Amino acid sequence: MGEVRDGTRSREAIVEAARALTIATGWDGVRMGAVARAAGVSRQTVYNEFGTKAGLAEALARHEVDRFVGDVRALLHAHGDDVRAAAHATISHTLNQAVGDPLIKAVLTSSRGGSDDLLPYLTTRSELVLTEATEVLLEWADGVLPGADRAAVAFATDSVVRLVISHIVLPGAPVAQTAAALADLAVYLLLHAVTQGTYSD
């Protein structure tokens, strides 16, 4: 198999390969040589890009944050001005990802996921992913709810994010039911923010 030449594509291929192997075998079982073979690059290329397995773990953790936040942004903007549809799609996606993806669950909840060796890299990202996801929600809300009270929108988005996380940690109902209920709550809180903005004018 020919080696990927472009530096950016090579790095992305290595991280994706490491991610797939981690989910399949656990981080403890991941070897740099196996990652190289799966990515279609030489073992030396993996070491040149990341230095050590710890460097690869760091890159994998950052990749998970970027991937999750990118998905949130895309889902929110895919529904135009339909606030409930956007909220429901985003919440449903997040809950389902946490059920099926141990790496995302670890990033979102600071809980044990994947491997003891990988866990510290993932859980140090929990605060970062919450901050970035909330910022994406605020940016989206600014576009679909012009004139809404900024403080009320910030409270609404932060509350919804925290509630989604709590339902990941301690699920109380099927994902579909939880996503529908939280989407309704998000709409209620965001409409309250619009009302607050109207009153403050």
Protein backbone atom coordinates (compact mmCIF):
# COMPACT_ATOMS: atom_id res chain seq x y z
CA MET A 1 0.00 0.00 0.00
CA GLY A 2 1.40 3.42 -0.94
CA GLU A 3 2.05 5.82 1.90
CA VAL A 4 -0.10 8.91 2.23
CA ARG A 5 2.19 11.77 1.19
CA ASP A 6 0.36 14.92 2.22
CA GLY A 7 1.23 15.87 5.83
CA THR A 8 -2.26 16.90 6.86
CA ARG A 9 -3.92 13.87 5.28
CA SER A 10 -1.27 11.62 6.79
CA ARG A 11 -1.90 13.01 10.27
CA GLU A 12 -5.68 12.70 9.90
CA ALA A 13 -5.37 9.13 8.62
CA ILE A 14 -3.20 8.17 11.58
CA VAL A 15 -5.62 9.66 14.12
CA GLU A 16 -8.61 7.99 12.44
CA ALA A 17 -6.78 4.67 12.45
CA ALA A 18 -5.91 5.09 16.13
CA ARG A 19 -9.53 5.90 16.89
CA ALA A 20 -10.85 2.81 15.10
CA LEU A 21 -8.31 0.54 16.78
CA THR A 22 -9.06 2.04 20.20
CA ILE A 23 -12.77 1.36 19.86
CA ALA A 24 -12.10 -2.15 18.57
CA THR A 25 -9.40 -3.27 21.00
CA GLY A 26 -9.04 -0.65 23.74
CA TRP A 27 -6.19 1.86 23.97
CA ASP A 28 -3.97 -0.54 25.92
CA GLY A 29 -3.92 -2.87 22.93
CA VAL A 30 -3.11 -0.16 20.37
CA ARG A 31 0.42 -0.38 18.97
CA MET A 32 2.11 2.26 16.84
CA GLY A 33 2.93 -0.33 14.18
CA ALA A 34 -0.70 -1.40 13.92
CA VAL A 35 -1.81 2.23 13.65
CA ALA A 36 0.73 2.78 10.87
CA ARG A 37 -0.51 -0.25 8.91
CA ALA A 38 -4.16 0.78 9.30
CA ALA A 39 -3.36 4.33 8.19
CA GLY A 40 -1.27 3.26 5.21
CA VAL A 41 1.90 4.95 6.44
CA SER A 42 5.23 3.81 7.84
CA ARG A 43 5.79 3.30 11.55
CA GLN A 44 8.41 6.04 11.41
CA THR A 45 5.83 8.47 10.02
CA VAL A 46 3.62 7.87 13.06
CA TYR A 47 6.56 8.62 15.38
CA ASN A 48 7.56 11.66 13.32
CA GLU A 49 4.02 13.08 13.58
CA PHE A 50 3.30 12.35 17.26
CA GLY A 51 6.58 11.47 18.94
CA THR A 52 5.15 8.95 21.38
CA LYS A 53 1.98 7.02 22.07
CA ALA A 54 1.14 9.75 24.60
CA GLY A 55 1.39 12.33 21.81
CA LEU A 56 -0.98 10.24 19.72
CA ALA A 57 -3.41 10.02 22.67
CA GLU A 58 -3.32 13.81 22.98
CA ALA A 59 -4.12 14.20 19.28
CA LEU A 60 -6.91 11.62 19.49
CA ALA A 61 -8.52 13.46 22.41
CA ARG A 62 -8.39 16.77 20.53
CA HIS A 63 -9.82 15.05 17.46
CA GLU A 64 -12.81 13.80 19.47
CA VAL A 65 -13.57 17.30 20.73
CA ASP A 66 -13.32 18.81 17.25
CA ARG A 67 -15.44 16.07 15.71
CA PHE A 68 -18.18 16.36 18.31
CA VAL A 69 -18.34 20.17 18.22
CA GLY A 70 -18.31 20.10 14.41
CA ASP A 71 -21.26 17.68 14.41
CA VAL A 72 -23.17 19.93 16.81
CA ARG A 73 -22.58 22.98 14.60
CA ALA A 74 -23.67 21.15 11.44
CA LEU A 75 -26.83 19.74 13.02
CA LEU A 76 -27.90 23.10 14.44
CA HIS A 77 -27.48 24.90 11.14
CA ALA A 78 -29.11 22.14 9.07
CA HIS A 79 -32.60 23.12 10.25
CA GLY A 80 -32.76 26.81 9.39
CA ASP A 81 -34.99 28.74 11.79
CA ASP A 82 -36.74 25.64 13.17
CA VAL A 83 -35.50 25.85 16.74
CA ARG A 84 -37.13 22.67 17.98
CA ALA A 85 -35.96 20.57 15.03
CA ALA A 86 -32.39 21.81 15.49
CA ALA A 87 -32.47 21.22 19.25
CA HIS A 88 -33.97 17.76 18.86
CA ALA A 89 -31.51 16.66 16.17
CA THR A 90 -28.53 17.87 18.19
CA ILE A 91 -29.68 16.38 21.50
CA SER A 92 -30.65 13.08 19.92
CA HIS A 93 -27.31 12.84 18.13
CA THR A 94 -25.39 13.55 21.34
CA LEU A 95 -27.30 10.98 23.39
CA ASN A 96 -26.92 8.32 20.70
CA GLN A 97 -23.22 9.04 20.27
CA ALA A 98 -22.66 8.63 24.00
CA VAL A 99 -24.46 5.28 23.97
CA GLY A 100 -22.48 3.89 21.04
CA ASP A 101 -19.11 5.61 21.30
CA PRO A 102 -17.01 5.10 24.47
CA LEU A 103 -14.57 7.84 23.48
CA ILE A 104 -17.25 10.50 23.08
CA LYS A 105 -18.90 9.40 26.31
CA ALA A 106 -15.60 9.78 28.16
CA VAL A 107 -15.01 13.24 26.68
CA LEU A 108 -18.51 14.42 27.57
CA THR A 109 -18.80 13.03 31.08
CA SER A 110 -15.28 12.63 32.53
CA SER A 111 -16.29 9.04 33.18
CA ARG A 112 -14.35 5.85 32.65
CA GLY A 113 -14.29 5.00 28.97
CA GLY A 114 -11.99 3.11 26.67
CA SER A 115 -8.87 2.62 28.76
CA ASP A 116 -7.20 3.75 31.96
CA ASP A 117 -4.18 4.93 29.93
CA LEU A 118 -6.28 6.98 27.52
CA LEU A 119 -8.78 8.26 30.09
CA PRO A 120 -6.72 11.21 31.40
CA TYR A 121 -6.34 12.63 27.89
CA LEU A 122 -10.07 12.36 27.25
CA THR A 123 -11.36 13.64 30.56
CA THR A 124 -9.14 16.72 30.57
CA ARG A 125 -11.14 17.70 27.49
CA SER A 126 -14.54 17.57 29.22
CA GLU A 127 -14.57 21.20 30.29
CA LEU A 128 -13.23 22.24 26.90
CA VAL A 129 -15.94 20.40 24.95
CA LEU A 130 -18.67 21.82 27.19
CA THR A 131 -17.34 25.34 26.67
CA GLU A 132 -16.98 24.95 22.91
CA ALA A 133 -20.38 23.28 22.48
CA THR A 134 -22.05 26.04 24.50
CA GLU A 135 -20.32 28.68 22.36
CA VAL A 136 -21.62 26.99 19.20
CA LEU A 137 -25.14 26.98 20.67
CA LEU A 138 -24.87 30.68 21.53
CA GLU A 139 -23.63 31.51 18.03
CA TRP A 140 -26.55 29.56 16.54
CA ALA A 141 -29.10 31.17 18.88
CA ASP A 142 -27.84 34.65 17.96
CA GLY A 143 -28.73 33.87 14.36
CA VAL A 144 -32.15 32.26 14.83
CA LEU A 145 -33.33 34.36 17.79
CA PRO A 146 -32.32 37.95 17.04
CA GLY A 147 -33.22 40.31 19.83
CA ALA A 148 -33.26 37.63 22.51
CA ASP A 149 -31.80 38.51 25.88
CA ARG A 150 -28.14 37.35 25.73
CA ALA A 151 -27.93 36.42 29.40
CA ALA A 152 -31.13 34.39 29.19
CA VAL A 153 -29.89 32.61 26.04
CA ALA A 154 -26.60 31.82 27.78
CA PHE A 155 -28.48 30.39 30.75
CA ALA A 156 -30.75 28.35 28.47
CA THR A 157 -27.92 26.84 26.42
CA ASP A 158 -25.77 26.10 29.46
CA SER A 159 -28.73 24.45 31.22
CA VAL A 160 -29.60 22.27 28.23
CA VAL A 161 -25.98 21.15 27.80
CA ARG A 162 -25.75 20.21 31.48
CA LEU A 163 -29.06 18.34 31.36
CA VAL A 164 -27.97 16.36 28.32
CA ILE A 165 -24.76 15.38 30.14
CA SER A 166 -26.73 14.33 33.23
CA HIS A 167 -28.93 12.07 31.12
CA ILE A 168 -25.82 10.51 29.58
CA VAL A 169 -24.39 9.78 33.02
CA LEU A 170 -27.70 8.55 34.49
CA PRO A 171 -30.15 7.70 31.71
CA GLY A 172 -33.73 7.60 32.95
CA ALA A 173 -35.63 6.79 29.76
CA PRO A 174 -35.04 5.66 26.17
CA VAL A 175 -32.97 8.07 24.08
CA ALA A 176 -35.88 9.04 21.81
CA GLN A 177 -38.07 9.96 24.77
CA THR A 178 -35.32 11.90 26.53
CA ALA A 179 -34.34 13.78 23.36
CA ALA A 180 -37.94 14.83 22.71
CA ALA A 181 -38.45 16.06 26.28
CA LEU A 182 -35.15 17.97 26.37
CA ALA A 183 -35.87 19.54 22.96
CA ASP A 184 -39.21 20.80 24.31
CA LEU A 185 -37.42 22.22 27.35
CA ALA A 186 -34.80 23.90 25.16
CA VAL A 187 -37.53 25.59 23.13
CA TYR A 188 -39.27 26.77 26.30
CA LEU A 189 -36.07 28.26 27.72
CA LEU A 190 -35.08 29.90 24.45
CA LEU A 191 -38.52 31.41 23.91
CA HIS A 192 -38.28 32.79 27.44
CA ALA A 193 -35.02 34.41 26.36
CA VAL A 194 -36.85 36.04 23.44
CA THR A 195 -39.55 37.33 25.81
CA GLN A 196 -36.89 38.71 28.13
CA GLY A 197 -35.31 40.52 25.20
CA THR A 198 -38.68 42.01 24.23
CA TYR A 199 -39.29 43.27 27.76
CA SER A 200 -35.84 44.84 27.98
CA ASP A 201 -36.28 46.90 24.78
